[in-house]
Amino acid sequence: MTEAQAQSGAPEVATIVIVDDDRDLLDTLQATLQEEGYHVVACSQGKDASQLIRQTRPRLVMLDLRLGEVPGSEVLRSLRQDPETARIPVLICSGLRDQDPAVEELREQGYDFIENPF
């Protein structure tokens, strides 16, 4: 919360980071969440995601597993290994299906996901 918000009594605006390389989906999610009053930071590259999340300290991360050079599973692993980001909730949003080995591995670790398109 900014000092001005604290002084004015204005509620804190929650930040959500969306990491997805599908530009249309990224734009749609960003617009929808902004209409609901969230501050949204979008990222289309897994290689940039971990640093962006560390800088913004979002309330939630929406993460696609299928990203270019650095997959979402690596971003997730990086976040969980860092004490500064380990407790940030991550909602995995992916076009992968239930039977995909990556999804099964995440479920074994206690994660769940939302299948795209949702």
PDB file of N, CA and C in Angstrom:
ATOM      1  N   MET A   1       0.861  -1.172   0.000  1.00  0.00           N
ATOM      2  CA  MET A   1       0.000   0.000   0.000  1.00  0.00           C
ATOM      3  C   MET A   1       0.900   1.225   0.000  1.00  0.00           C
ATOM      4  N   THR A   2       0.557   2.207  -0.810  1.00  0.00           N
ATOM      5  CA  THR A   2       1.333   3.431  -0.851  1.00  0.00           C
ATOM      6  C   THR A   2       1.000   4.286   0.362  1.00  0.00           C
ATOM      7  N   GLU A   3       1.876   5.219   0.663  1.00  0.00           N
ATOM      8  CA  GLU A   3       1.637   6.118   1.792  1.00  0.00           C
ATOM      9  C   GLU A   3       0.371   6.941   1.575  1.00  0.00           C
ATOM     10  N   ALA A   4       0.135   7.379   0.330  1.00  0.00           N
ATOM     11  CA  ALA A   4      -1.067   8.163   0.021  1.00  0.00           C
ATOM     12  C   ALA A   4      -2.327   7.338   0.253  1.00  0.00           C
ATOM     13  N   GLN A   5      -2.307   6.047  -0.130  1.00  0.00           N
ATOM     14  CA  GLN A   5      -3.462   5.190   0.111  1.00  0.00           C
ATOM     15  C   GLN A   5      -3.706   5.009   1.596  1.00  0.00           C
ATOM     16  N   ALA A   6      -2.627   4.821   2.355  1.00  0.00           N
ATOM     17  CA  ALA A   6      -2.770   4.623   3.792  1.00  0.00           C
ATOM     18  C   ALA A   6      -3.366   5.871   4.445  1.00  0.00           C
ATOM     19  N   GLN A   7      -2.922   7.046   4.025  1.00  0.00           N
ATOM     20  CA  GLN A   7      -3.420   8.286   4.606  1.00  0.00           C
ATOM     21  C   GLN A   7      -4.860   8.573   4.193  1.00  0.00           C
ATOM     22  N   SER A   8      -5.229   8.194   2.968  1.00  0.00           N
ATOM     23  CA  SER A   8      -6.573   8.495   2.487  1.00  0.00           C
ATOM     24  C   SER A   8      -7.585   7.438   2.905  1.00  0.00           C
ATOM     25  N   GLY A   9      -7.094   6.310   3.417  1.00  0.00           N
ATOM     26  CA  GLY A   9      -7.986   5.230   3.785  1.00  0.00           C
ATOM     27  C   GLY A   9      -8.420   4.399   2.584  1.00  0.00           C
ATOM     28  N   ALA A  10      -7.827   4.664   1.420  1.00  0.00           N
ATOM     29  CA  ALA A  10      -8.163   3.908   0.210  1.00  0.00           C
ATOM     30  C   ALA A  10      -7.658   2.474   0.350  1.00  0.00           C
ATOM     31  N   PRO A  11      -8.442   1.512  -0.099  1.00  0.00           N
ATOM     32  CA  PRO A  11      -7.993   0.119  -0.001  1.00  0.00           C
ATOM     33  C   PRO A  11      -6.809  -0.143  -0.920  1.00  0.00           C
ATOM     34  N   GLU A  12      -5.995  -1.091  -0.506  1.00  0.00           N
ATOM     35  CA  GLU A  12      -4.854  -1.487  -1.315  1.00  0.00           C
ATOM     36  C   GLU A  12      -5.348  -2.183  -2.584  1.00  0.00           C
ATOM     37  N   VAL A  13      -4.762  -1.833  -3.702  1.00  0.00           N
ATOM     38  CA  VAL A  13      -5.090  -2.479  -4.963  1.00  0.00           C
ATOM     39  C   VAL A  13      -4.149  -3.670  -5.117  1.00  0.00           C
ATOM     40  N   ALA A  14      -4.722  -4.853  -5.234  1.00  0.00           N
ATOM     41  CA  ALA A  14      -3.915  -6.066  -5.352  1.00  0.00           C
ATOM     42  C   ALA A  14      -3.267  -6.140  -6.728  1.00  0.00           C
ATOM     43  N   THR A  15      -2.012  -6.541  -6.733  1.00  0.00           N
ATOM     44  CA  THR A  15      -1.281  -6.727  -7.976  1.00  0.00           C
ATOM     45  C   THR A  15      -1.297  -8.201  -8.352  1.00  0.00           C
ATOM     46  N   ILE A  16      -1.557  -8.460  -9.623  1.00  0.00           N
ATOM     47  CA  ILE A  16      -1.506  -9.808 -10.179  1.00  0.00           C
ATOM     48  C   ILE A  16      -0.515  -9.789 -11.329  1.00  0.00           C
ATOM     49  N   VAL A  17       0.403 -10.747 -11.328  1.00  0.00           N
ATOM     50  CA  VAL A  17       1.331 -10.913 -12.447  1.00  0.00           C
ATOM     51  C   VAL A  17       0.836 -12.079 -13.291  1.00  0.00           C
ATOM     52  N   ILE A  18       0.683 -11.826 -14.586  1.00  0.00           N
ATOM     53  CA  ILE A  18       0.284 -12.871 -15.536  1.00  0.00           C
ATOM     54  C   ILE A  18       1.484 -13.174 -16.425  1.00  0.00           C
ATOM     55  N   VAL A  19       1.840 -14.457 -16.508  1.00  0.00           N
ATOM     56  CA  VAL A  19       2.952 -14.891 -17.350  1.00  0.00           C
ATOM     57  C   VAL A  19       2.402 -15.872 -18.380  1.00  0.00           C
ATOM     58  N   ASP A  20       2.337 -15.422 -19.620  1.00  0.00           N
ATOM     59  CA  ASP A  20       1.800 -16.260 -20.696  1.00  0.00           C
ATOM     60  C   ASP A  20       2.343 -15.746 -22.018  1.00  0.00           C
ATOM     61  N   ASP A  21       2.732 -16.653 -22.902  1.00  0.00           N
ATOM     62  CA  ASP A  21       3.277 -16.222 -24.185  1.00  0.00           C
ATOM     63  C   ASP A  21       2.210 -16.104 -25.275  1.00  0.00           C
ATOM     64  N   ASP A  22       0.959 -16.385 -24.938  1.00  0.00           N
ATOM     65  CA  ASP A  22      -0.155 -16.193 -25.875  1.00  0.00           C
ATOM     66  C   ASP A  22      -0.625 -14.748 -25.714  1.00  0.00           C
ATOM     67  N   ARG A  23      -0.247 -13.896 -26.641  1.00  0.00           N
ATOM     68  CA  ARG A  23      -0.502 -12.452 -26.527  1.00  0.00           C
ATOM     69  C   ARG A  23      -1.992 -12.140 -26.428  1.00  0.00           C
ATOM     70  N   ASP A  24      -2.824 -12.832 -27.200  1.00  0.00           N
ATOM     71  CA  ASP A  24      -4.270 -12.575 -27.139  1.00  0.00           C
ATOM     72  C   ASP A  24      -4.831 -12.920 -25.766  1.00  0.00           C
ATOM     73  N   LEU A  25      -4.445 -14.058 -25.234  1.00  0.00           N
ATOM     74  CA  LEU A  25      -4.908 -14.467 -23.907  1.00  0.00           C
ATOM     75  C   LEU A  25      -4.388 -13.511 -22.843  1.00  0.00           C
ATOM     76  N   LEU A  26      -3.139 -13.129 -22.961  1.00  0.00           N
ATOM     77  CA  LEU A  26      -2.534 -12.197 -22.019  1.00  0.00           C
ATOM     78  C   LEU A  26      -3.293 -10.869 -22.006  1.00  0.00           C
ATOM     79  N   ASP A  27      -3.586 -10.349 -23.187  1.00  0.00           N
ATOM     80  CA  ASP A  27      -4.324  -9.084 -23.286  1.00  0.00           C
ATOM     81  C   ASP A  27      -5.737  -9.204 -22.721  1.00  0.00           C
ATOM     82  N   THR A  28      -6.402 -10.332 -23.002  1.00  0.00           N
ATOM     83  CA  THR A  28      -7.761 -10.538 -22.508  1.00  0.00           C
ATOM     84  C   THR A  28      -7.782 -10.639 -20.983  1.00  0.00           C
ATOM     85  N   LEU A  29      -6.885 -11.443 -20.435  1.00  0.00           N
ATOM     86  CA  LEU A  29      -6.812 -11.572 -18.973  1.00  0.00           C
ATOM     87  C   LEU A  29      -6.491 -10.241 -18.317  1.00  0.00           C
ATOM     88  N   GLN A  30      -5.536  -9.523 -18.880  1.00  0.00           N
ATOM     89  CA  GLN A  30      -5.147  -8.239 -18.314  1.00  0.00           C
ATOM     90  C   GLN A  30      -6.328  -7.272 -18.306  1.00  0.00           C
ATOM     91  N   ALA A  31      -7.025  -7.160 -19.416  1.00  0.00           N
ATOM     92  CA  ALA A  31      -8.170  -6.239 -19.497  1.00  0.00           C
ATOM     93  C   ALA A  31      -9.273  -6.646 -18.529  1.00  0.00           C
ATOM     94  N   THR A  32      -9.564  -7.929 -18.459  1.00  0.00           N
ATOM     95  CA  THR A  32     -10.633  -8.413 -17.581  1.00  0.00           C
ATOM     96  C   THR A  32     -10.305  -8.144 -16.120  1.00  0.00           C
ATOM     97  N   LEU A  33      -9.101  -8.443 -15.714  1.00  0.00           N
ATOM     98  CA  LEU A  33      -8.714  -8.242 -14.315  1.00  0.00           C
ATOM     99  C   LEU A  33      -8.614  -6.760 -13.962  1.00  0.00           C
ATOM    100  N   GLN A  34      -8.177  -5.940 -14.903  1.00  0.00           N
ATOM    101  CA  GLN A  34      -8.128  -4.497 -14.650  1.00  0.00           C
ATOM    102  C   GLN A  34      -9.536  -3.935 -14.482  1.00  0.00           C
ATOM    103  N   GLU A  35     -10.479  -4.434 -15.268  1.00  0.00           N
ATOM    104  CA  GLU A  35     -11.873  -4.000 -15.121  1.00  0.00           C
ATOM    105  C   GLU A  35     -12.420  -4.343 -13.737  1.00  0.00           C
ATOM    106  N   GLU A  36     -11.892  -5.401 -13.144  1.00  0.00           N
ATOM    107  CA  GLU A  36     -12.321  -5.816 -11.802  1.00  0.00           C
ATOM    108  C   GLU A  36     -11.572  -5.068 -10.698  1.00  0.00           C
ATOM    109  N   GLY A  37     -10.674  -4.180 -11.092  1.00  0.00           N
ATOM    110  CA  GLY A  37      -9.999  -3.336 -10.113  1.00  0.00           C
ATOM    111  C   GLY A  37      -8.609  -3.777  -9.685  1.00  0.00           C
ATOM    112  N   TYR A  38      -8.059  -4.768 -10.340  1.00  0.00           N
ATOM    113  CA  TYR A  38      -6.716  -5.228  -9.993  1.00  0.00           C
ATOM    114  C   TYR A  38      -5.660  -4.457 -10.779  1.00  0.00           C
ATOM    115  N   HIS A  39      -4.491  -4.352 -10.201  1.00  0.00           N
ATOM    116  CA  HIS A  39      -3.325  -3.837 -10.911  1.00  0.00           C
ATOM    117  C   HIS A  39      -2.666  -5.055 -11.539  1.00  0.00           C
ATOM    118  N   VAL A  40      -2.544  -5.067 -12.859  1.00  0.00           N
ATOM    119  CA  VAL A  40      -2.037  -6.246 -13.559  1.00  0.00           C
ATOM    120  C   VAL A  40      -0.722  -5.911 -14.242  1.00  0.00           C
ATOM    121  N   VAL A  41       0.243  -6.798 -14.050  1.00  0.00           N
ATOM    122  CA  VAL A  41       1.527  -6.700 -14.724  1.00  0.00           C
ATOM    123  C   VAL A  41       1.642  -7.948 -15.592  1.00  0.00           C
ATOM    124  N   ALA A  42       1.851  -7.735 -16.880  1.00  0.00           N
ATOM    125  CA  ALA A  42       1.907  -8.846 -17.830  1.00  0.00           C
ATOM    126  C   ALA A  42       3.345  -9.123 -18.248  1.00  0.00           C
ATOM    127  N   CYS A  43       3.612 -10.396 -18.464  1.00  0.00           N
ATOM    128  CA  CYS A  43       4.944 -10.831 -18.880  1.00  0.00           C
ATOM    129  C   CYS A  43       4.768 -11.988 -19.857  1.00  0.00           C
ATOM    130  N   SER A  44       5.462 -11.948 -20.977  1.00  0.00           N
ATOM    131  CA  SER A  44       5.303 -13.005 -21.974  1.00  0.00           C
ATOM    132  C   SER A  44       6.491 -13.956 -22.044  1.00  0.00           C
ATOM    133  N   GLN A  45       7.499 -13.740 -21.233  1.00  0.00           N
ATOM    134  CA  GLN A  45       8.704 -14.562 -21.278  1.00  0.00           C
ATOM    135  C   GLN A  45       9.025 -15.158 -19.914  1.00  0.00           C
ATOM    136  N   GLY A  46       9.231 -16.459 -19.873  1.00  0.00           N
ATOM    137  CA  GLY A  46       9.615 -17.105 -18.625  1.00  0.00           C
ATOM    138  C   GLY A  46      10.931 -16.591 -18.088  1.00  0.00           C
ATOM    139  N   LYS A  47      11.850 -16.214 -18.981  1.00  0.00           N
ATOM    140  CA  LYS A  47      13.170 -15.739 -18.539  1.00  0.00           C
ATOM    141  C   LYS A  47      13.077 -14.424 -17.775  1.00  0.00           C
ATOM    142  N   ASP A  48      12.015 -13.652 -17.999  1.00  0.00           N
ATOM    143  CA  ASP A  48      11.843 -12.376 -17.305  1.00  0.00           C
ATOM    144  C   ASP A  48      10.921 -12.485 -16.091  1.00  0.00           C
ATOM    145  N   ALA A  49      10.187 -13.570 -15.994  1.00  0.00           N
ATOM    146  CA  ALA A  49       9.109 -13.674 -15.004  1.00  0.00           C
ATOM    147  C   ALA A  49       9.592 -13.654 -13.557  1.00  0.00           C
ATOM    148  N   SER A  50      10.589 -14.448 -13.229  1.00  0.00           N
ATOM    149  CA  SER A  50      11.032 -14.538 -11.829  1.00  0.00           C
ATOM    150  C   SER A  50      11.479 -13.182 -11.302  1.00  0.00           C
ATOM    151  N   GLN A  51      12.268 -12.468 -12.086  1.00  0.00           N
ATOM    152  CA  GLN A  51      12.744 -11.150 -11.658  1.00  0.00           C
ATOM    153  C   GLN A  51      11.582 -10.171 -11.508  1.00  0.00           C
ATOM    154  N   LEU A  52      10.656 -10.187 -12.450  1.00  0.00           N
ATOM    155  CA  LEU A  52       9.495  -9.307 -12.391  1.00  0.00           C
ATOM    156  C   LEU A  52       8.664  -9.589 -11.135  1.00  0.00           C
ATOM    157  N   ILE A  53       8.474 -10.846 -10.832  1.00  0.00           N
ATOM    158  CA  ILE A  53       7.702 -11.225  -9.649  1.00  0.00           C
ATOM    159  C   ILE A  53       8.420 -10.785  -8.375  1.00  0.00           C
ATOM    160  N   ARG A  54       9.713 -10.927  -8.337  1.00  0.00           N
ATOM    161  CA  ARG A  54      10.484 -10.473  -7.163  1.00  0.00           C
ATOM    162  C   ARG A  54      10.366  -8.954  -6.985  1.00  0.00           C
ATOM    163  N   GLN A  55      10.335  -8.229  -8.086  1.00  0.00           N
ATOM    164  CA  GLN A  55      10.247  -6.769  -8.019  1.00  0.00           C
ATOM    165  C   GLN A  55       8.864  -6.288  -7.619  1.00  0.00           C
ATOM    166  N   THR A  56       7.820  -6.923  -8.130  1.00  0.00           N
ATOM    167  CA  THR A  56       6.462  -6.413  -7.913  1.00  0.00           C
ATOM    168  C   THR A  56       5.786  -6.968  -6.668  1.00  0.00           C
ATOM    169  N   ARG A  57       6.243  -8.128  -6.179  1.00  0.00           N
ATOM    170  CA  ARG A  57       5.629  -8.762  -5.000  1.00  0.00           C
ATOM    171  C   ARG A  57       4.107  -8.832  -5.136  1.00  0.00           C
ATOM    172  N   PRO A  58       3.612  -9.539  -6.152  1.00  0.00           N
ATOM    173  CA  PRO A  58       2.174  -9.565  -6.395  1.00  0.00           C
ATOM    174  C   PRO A  58       1.415 -10.370  -5.340  1.00  0.00           C
ATOM    175  N   ARG A  59       0.131 -10.178  -5.311  1.00  0.00           N
ATOM    176  CA  ARG A  59      -0.746 -10.960  -4.453  1.00  0.00           C
ATOM    177  C   ARG A  59      -0.980 -12.337  -5.067  1.00  0.00           C
ATOM    178  N   LEU A  60      -0.878 -12.433  -6.416  1.00  0.00           N
ATOM    179  CA  LEU A  60      -1.112 -13.687  -7.128  1.00  0.00           C
ATOM    180  C   LEU A  60      -0.306 -13.683  -8.416  1.00  0.00           C
ATOM    181  N   VAL A  61       0.149 -14.874  -8.816  1.00  0.00           N
ATOM    182  CA  VAL A  61       0.791 -15.072 -10.115  1.00  0.00           C
ATOM    183  C   VAL A  61      -0.061 -16.061 -10.895  1.00  0.00           C
ATOM    184  N   MET A  62      -0.403 -15.694 -12.125  1.00  0.00           N
ATOM    185  CA  MET A  62      -1.080 -16.608 -13.052  1.00  0.00           C
ATOM    186  C   MET A  62      -0.015 -17.025 -14.057  1.00  0.00           C
ATOM    187  N   LEU A  63       0.310 -18.311 -14.072  1.00  0.00           N
ATOM    188  CA  LEU A  63       1.485 -18.795 -14.789  1.00  0.00           C
ATOM    189  C   LEU A  63       1.132 -19.884 -15.787  1.00  0.00           C
ATOM    190  N   ASP A  64       1.531 -19.676 -17.034  1.00  0.00           N
ATOM    191  CA  ASP A  64       1.407 -20.709 -18.059  1.00  0.00           C
ATOM    192  C   ASP A  64       2.625 -21.619 -17.937  1.00  0.00           C
ATOM    193  N   LEU A  65       2.439 -22.895 -18.165  1.00  0.00           N
ATOM    194  CA  LEU A  65       3.566 -23.832 -18.111  1.00  0.00           C
ATOM    195  C   LEU A  65       4.362 -23.843 -19.399  1.00  0.00           C
ATOM    196  N   ARG A  66       3.691 -23.573 -20.507  1.00  0.00           N
ATOM    197  CA  ARG A  66       4.362 -23.619 -21.810  1.00  0.00           C
ATOM    198  C   ARG A  66       4.803 -22.215 -22.199  1.00  0.00           C
ATOM    199  N   LEU A  67       6.040 -21.945 -21.945  1.00  0.00           N
ATOM    200  CA  LEU A  67       6.631 -20.662 -22.332  1.00  0.00           C
ATOM    201  C   LEU A  67       7.836 -20.959 -23.213  1.00  0.00           C
ATOM    202  N   GLY A  68       8.376 -19.948 -23.840  1.00  0.00           N
ATOM    203  CA  GLY A  68       9.490 -20.122 -24.762  1.00  0.00           C
ATOM    204  C   GLY A  68      10.714 -20.779 -24.160  1.00  0.00           C
ATOM    205  N   GLU A  69      11.755 -20.021 -23.976  1.00  0.00           N
ATOM    206  CA  GLU A  69      13.047 -20.546 -23.551  1.00  0.00           C
ATOM    207  C   GLU A  69      13.023 -21.138 -22.141  1.00  0.00           C
ATOM    208  N   VAL A  70      12.346 -20.483 -21.230  1.00  0.00           N
ATOM    209  CA  VAL A  70      12.286 -20.932 -19.842  1.00  0.00           C
ATOM    210  C   VAL A  70      10.843 -21.331 -19.544  1.00  0.00           C
ATOM    211  N   PRO A  71      10.574 -22.625 -19.343  1.00  0.00           N
ATOM    212  CA  PRO A  71       9.202 -23.061 -19.117  1.00  0.00           C
ATOM    213  C   PRO A  71       8.654 -22.600 -17.772  1.00  0.00           C
ATOM    214  N   GLY A  72       7.331 -22.572 -17.679  1.00  0.00           N
ATOM    215  CA  GLY A  72       6.676 -22.156 -16.453  1.00  0.00           C
ATOM    216  C   GLY A  72       7.062 -23.005 -15.256  1.00  0.00           C
ATOM    217  N   SER A  73       7.340 -24.288 -15.477  1.00  0.00           N
ATOM    218  CA  SER A  73       7.751 -25.149 -14.365  1.00  0.00           C
ATOM    219  C   SER A  73       9.064 -24.666 -13.759  1.00  0.00           C
ATOM    220  N   GLU A  74       9.967 -24.127 -14.577  1.00  0.00           N
ATOM    221  CA  GLU A  74      11.229 -23.571 -14.067  1.00  0.00           C
ATOM    222  C   GLU A  74      10.977 -22.277 -13.293  1.00  0.00           C
ATOM    223  N   VAL A  75      10.054 -21.459 -13.791  1.00  0.00           N
ATOM    224  CA  VAL A  75       9.697 -20.229 -13.079  1.00  0.00           C
ATOM    225  C   VAL A  75       9.126 -20.593 -11.714  1.00  0.00           C
ATOM    226  N   LEU A  76       8.230 -21.562 -11.681  1.00  0.00           N
ATOM    227  CA  LEU A  76       7.621 -22.001 -10.429  1.00  0.00           C
ATOM    228  C   LEU A  76       8.678 -22.528  -9.464  1.00  0.00           C
ATOM    229  N   ARG A  77       9.571 -23.347  -9.946  1.00  0.00           N
ATOM    230  CA  ARG A  77      10.654 -23.892  -9.116  1.00  0.00           C
ATOM    231  C   ARG A  77      11.500 -22.756  -8.536  1.00  0.00           C
ATOM    232  N   SER A  78      11.824 -21.789  -9.354  1.00  0.00           N
ATOM    233  CA  SER A  78      12.620 -20.649  -8.904  1.00  0.00           C
ATOM    234  C   SER A  78      11.904 -19.864  -7.810  1.00  0.00           C
ATOM    235  N   LEU A  79      10.609 -19.649  -7.991  1.00  0.00           N
ATOM    236  CA  LEU A  79       9.834 -18.911  -6.983  1.00  0.00           C
ATOM    237  C   LEU A  79       9.780 -19.668  -5.664  1.00  0.00           C
ATOM    238  N   ARG A  80       9.598 -20.969  -5.722  1.00  0.00           N
ATOM    239  CA  ARG A  80       9.465 -21.770  -4.510  1.00  0.00           C
ATOM    240  C   ARG A  80      10.786 -21.924  -3.762  1.00  0.00           C
ATOM    241  N   GLN A  81      11.907 -21.803  -4.455  1.00  0.00           N
ATOM    242  CA  GLN A  81      13.214 -21.931  -3.818  1.00  0.00           C
ATOM    243  C   GLN A  81      13.667 -20.640  -3.149  1.00  0.00           C
ATOM    244  N   ASP A  82      13.045 -19.527  -3.480  1.00  0.00           N
ATOM    245  CA  ASP A  82      13.422 -18.226  -2.928  1.00  0.00           C
ATOM    246  C   ASP A  82      12.508 -17.898  -1.752  1.00  0.00           C
ATOM    247  N   PRO A  83      13.051 -17.725  -0.551  1.00  0.00           N
ATOM    248  CA  PRO A  83      12.213 -17.421   0.610  1.00  0.00           C
ATOM    249  C   PRO A  83      11.372 -16.149   0.442  1.00  0.00           C
ATOM    250  N   GLU A  84      11.818 -15.234  -0.396  1.00  0.00           N
ATOM    251  CA  GLU A  84      11.090 -13.980  -0.616  1.00  0.00           C
ATOM    252  C   GLU A  84       9.823 -14.183  -1.448  1.00  0.00           C
ATOM    253  N   THR A  85       9.796 -15.224  -2.271  1.00  0.00           N
ATOM    254  CA  THR A  85       8.653 -15.444  -3.169  1.00  0.00           C
ATOM    255  C   THR A  85       7.955 -16.790  -2.941  1.00  0.00           C
ATOM    256  N   ALA A  86       8.471 -17.588  -2.044  1.00  0.00           N
ATOM    257  CA  ALA A  86       7.974 -18.953  -1.851  1.00  0.00           C
ATOM    258  C   ALA A  86       6.501 -19.015  -1.470  1.00  0.00           C
ATOM    259  N   ARG A  87       5.988 -17.993  -0.801  1.00  0.00           N
ATOM    260  CA  ARG A  87       4.611 -18.042  -0.326  1.00  0.00           C
ATOM    261  C   ARG A  87       3.613 -17.310  -1.223  1.00  0.00           C
ATOM    262  N   ILE A  88       4.081 -16.765  -2.335  1.00  0.00           N
ATOM    263  CA  ILE A  88       3.164 -16.095  -3.266  1.00  0.00           C
ATOM    264  C   ILE A  88       2.315 -17.169  -3.942  1.00  0.00           C
ATOM    265  N   PRO A  89       0.988 -17.045  -3.892  1.00  0.00           N
ATOM    266  CA  PRO A  89       0.138 -18.033  -4.564  1.00  0.00           C
ATOM    267  C   PRO A  89       0.335 -17.996  -6.074  1.00  0.00           C
ATOM    268  N   VAL A  90       0.398 -19.188  -6.659  1.00  0.00           N
ATOM    269  CA  VAL A  90       0.561 -19.317  -8.099  1.00  0.00           C
ATOM    270  C   VAL A  90      -0.602 -20.140  -8.638  1.00  0.00           C
ATOM    271  N   LEU A  91      -1.326 -19.554  -9.576  1.00  0.00           N
ATOM    272  CA  LEU A  91      -2.415 -20.230 -10.264  1.00  0.00           C
ATOM    273  C   LEU A  91      -1.869 -20.640 -11.622  1.00  0.00           C
ATOM    274  N   ILE A  92      -1.748 -21.933 -11.838  1.00  0.00           N
ATOM    275  CA  ILE A  92      -1.199 -22.428 -13.090  1.00  0.00           C
ATOM    276  C   ILE A  92      -2.324 -22.498 -14.116  1.00  0.00           C
ATOM    277  N   CYS A  93      -2.141 -21.791 -15.215  1.00  0.00           N
ATOM    278  CA  CYS A  93      -3.128 -21.728 -16.301  1.00  0.00           C
ATOM    279  C   CYS A  93      -2.422 -22.247 -17.541  1.00  0.00           C
ATOM    280  N   SER A  94      -2.896 -23.347 -18.080  1.00  0.00           N
ATOM    281  CA  SER A  94      -2.159 -23.929 -19.182  1.00  0.00           C
ATOM    282  C   SER A  94      -3.069 -24.667 -20.141  1.00  0.00           C
ATOM    283  N   GLY A  95      -2.613 -24.775 -21.363  1.00  0.00           N
ATOM    284  CA  GLY A  95      -3.311 -25.551 -22.368  1.00  0.00           C
ATOM    285  C   GLY A  95      -3.009 -27.038 -22.247  1.00  0.00           C
ATOM    286  N   LEU A  96      -2.141 -27.390 -21.308  1.00  0.00           N
ATOM    287  CA  LEU A  96      -1.866 -28.807 -21.078  1.00  0.00           C
ATOM    288  C   LEU A  96      -3.123 -29.494 -20.568  1.00  0.00           C
ATOM    289  N   ARG A  97      -3.228 -30.754 -20.793  1.00  0.00           N
ATOM    290  CA  ARG A  97      -4.397 -31.517 -20.372  1.00  0.00           C
ATOM    291  C   ARG A  97      -4.064 -32.350 -19.137  1.00  0.00           C
ATOM    292  N   ASP A  98      -5.093 -32.830 -18.470  1.00  0.00           N
ATOM    293  CA  ASP A  98      -4.938 -33.620 -17.257  1.00  0.00           C
ATOM    294  C   ASP A  98      -3.930 -34.762 -17.383  1.00  0.00           C
ATOM    295  N   GLN A  99      -3.888 -35.395 -18.549  1.00  0.00           N
ATOM    296  CA  GLN A  99      -3.059 -36.575 -18.715  1.00  0.00           C
ATOM    297  C   GLN A  99      -1.593 -36.240 -18.993  1.00  0.00           C
ATOM    298  N   ASP A 100      -1.275 -34.994 -19.175  1.00  0.00           N
ATOM    299  CA  ASP A 100       0.090 -34.601 -19.490  1.00  0.00           C
ATOM    300  C   ASP A 100       1.005 -34.902 -18.297  1.00  0.00           C
ATOM    301  N   PRO A 101       2.188 -35.480 -18.532  1.00  0.00           N
ATOM    302  CA  PRO A 101       3.098 -35.800 -17.416  1.00  0.00           C
ATOM    303  C   PRO A 101       3.469 -34.578 -16.565  1.00  0.00           C
ATOM    304  N   ALA A 102       3.584 -33.411 -17.183  1.00  0.00           N
ATOM    305  CA  ALA A 102       3.916 -32.202 -16.409  1.00  0.00           C
ATOM    306  C   ALA A 102       2.809 -31.871 -15.422  1.00  0.00           C
ATOM    307  N   VAL A 103       1.559 -32.053 -15.831  1.00  0.00           N
ATOM    308  CA  VAL A 103       0.423 -31.789 -14.951  1.00  0.00           C
ATOM    309  C   VAL A 103       0.403 -32.802 -13.818  1.00  0.00           C
ATOM    310  N   GLU A 104       0.636 -34.062 -14.148  1.00  0.00           N
ATOM    311  CA  GLU A 104       0.656 -35.093 -13.113  1.00  0.00           C
ATOM    312  C   GLU A 104       1.761 -34.837 -12.099  1.00  0.00           C
ATOM    313  N   GLU A 105       2.919 -34.395 -12.574  1.00  0.00           N
ATOM    314  CA  GLU A 105       4.024 -34.076 -11.663  1.00  0.00           C
ATOM    315  C   GLU A 105       3.643 -32.930 -10.722  1.00  0.00           C
ATOM    316  N   LEU A 106       2.990 -31.907 -11.254  1.00  0.00           N
ATOM    317  CA  LEU A 106       2.562 -30.786 -10.416  1.00  0.00           C
ATOM    318  C   LEU A 106       1.525 -31.233  -9.388  1.00  0.00           C
ATOM    319  N   ARG A 107       0.626 -32.073  -9.800  1.00  0.00           N
ATOM    320  CA  ARG A 107      -0.387 -32.581  -8.860  1.00  0.00           C
ATOM    321  C   ARG A 107       0.265 -33.370  -7.738  1.00  0.00           C
ATOM    322  N   GLU A 108       1.290 -34.147  -8.064  1.00  0.00           N
ATOM    323  CA  GLU A 108       2.013 -34.905  -7.038  1.00  0.00           C
ATOM    324  C   GLU A 108       2.677 -33.968  -6.030  1.00  0.00           C
ATOM    325  N   GLN A 109       3.020 -32.763  -6.471  1.00  0.00           N
ATOM    326  CA  GLN A 109       3.640 -31.777  -5.588  1.00  0.00           C
ATOM    327  C   GLN A 109       2.602 -30.931  -4.854  1.00  0.00           C
ATOM    328  N   GLY A 110       1.320 -31.217  -5.078  1.00  0.00           N
ATOM    329  CA  GLY A 110       0.266 -30.507  -4.374  1.00  0.00           C
ATOM    330  C   GLY A 110      -0.310 -29.314  -5.115  1.00  0.00           C
ATOM    331  N   TYR A 111      -0.007 -29.163  -6.398  1.00  0.00           N
ATOM    332  CA  TYR A 111      -0.519 -28.057  -7.183  1.00  0.00           C
ATOM    333  C   TYR A 111      -1.731 -28.502  -7.994  1.00  0.00           C
ATOM    334  N   ASP A 112      -2.531 -27.557  -8.376  1.00  0.00           N
ATOM    335  CA  ASP A 112      -3.617 -27.802  -9.310  1.00  0.00           C
ATOM    336  C   ASP A 112      -3.532 -26.733 -10.386  1.00  0.00           C
ATOM    337  N   PHE A 113      -4.355 -26.842 -11.396  1.00  0.00           N
ATOM    338  CA  PHE A 113      -4.247 -25.887 -12.490  1.00  0.00           C
ATOM    339  C   PHE A 113      -5.616 -25.660 -13.118  1.00  0.00           C
ATOM    340  N   ILE A 114      -5.678 -24.594 -13.894  1.00  0.00           N
ATOM    341  CA  ILE A 114      -6.856 -24.287 -14.697  1.00  0.00           C
ATOM    342  C   ILE A 114      -6.445 -24.516 -16.145  1.00  0.00           C
ATOM    343  N   GLU A 115      -7.277 -25.261 -16.858  1.00  0.00           N
ATOM    344  CA  GLU A 115      -6.979 -25.589 -18.234  1.00  0.00           C
ATOM    345  C   GLU A 115      -7.432 -24.443 -19.148  1.00  0.00           C
ATOM    346  N   ASN A 116      -6.546 -24.011 -20.058  1.00  0.00           N
ATOM    347  CA  ASN A 116      -6.901 -23.007 -21.059  1.00  0.00           C
ATOM    348  C   ASN A 116      -7.531 -23.699 -22.256  1.00  0.00           C
ATOM    349  N   PRO A 117      -8.478 -23.112 -22.930  1.00  0.00           N
ATOM    350  CA  PRO A 117      -9.124 -21.842 -22.569  1.00  0.00           C
ATOM    351  C   PRO A 117     -10.106 -22.077 -21.427  1.00  0.00           C
ATOM    352  N   PHE A 118     -10.205 -21.069 -20.580  1.00  0.00           N
ATOM    353  CA  PHE A 118     -11.110 -21.178 -19.429  1.00  0.00           C
ATOM    354  C   PHE A 118     -12.204 -20.160 -19.531  1.00  0.00           C
TER     355      PHE A 118
END
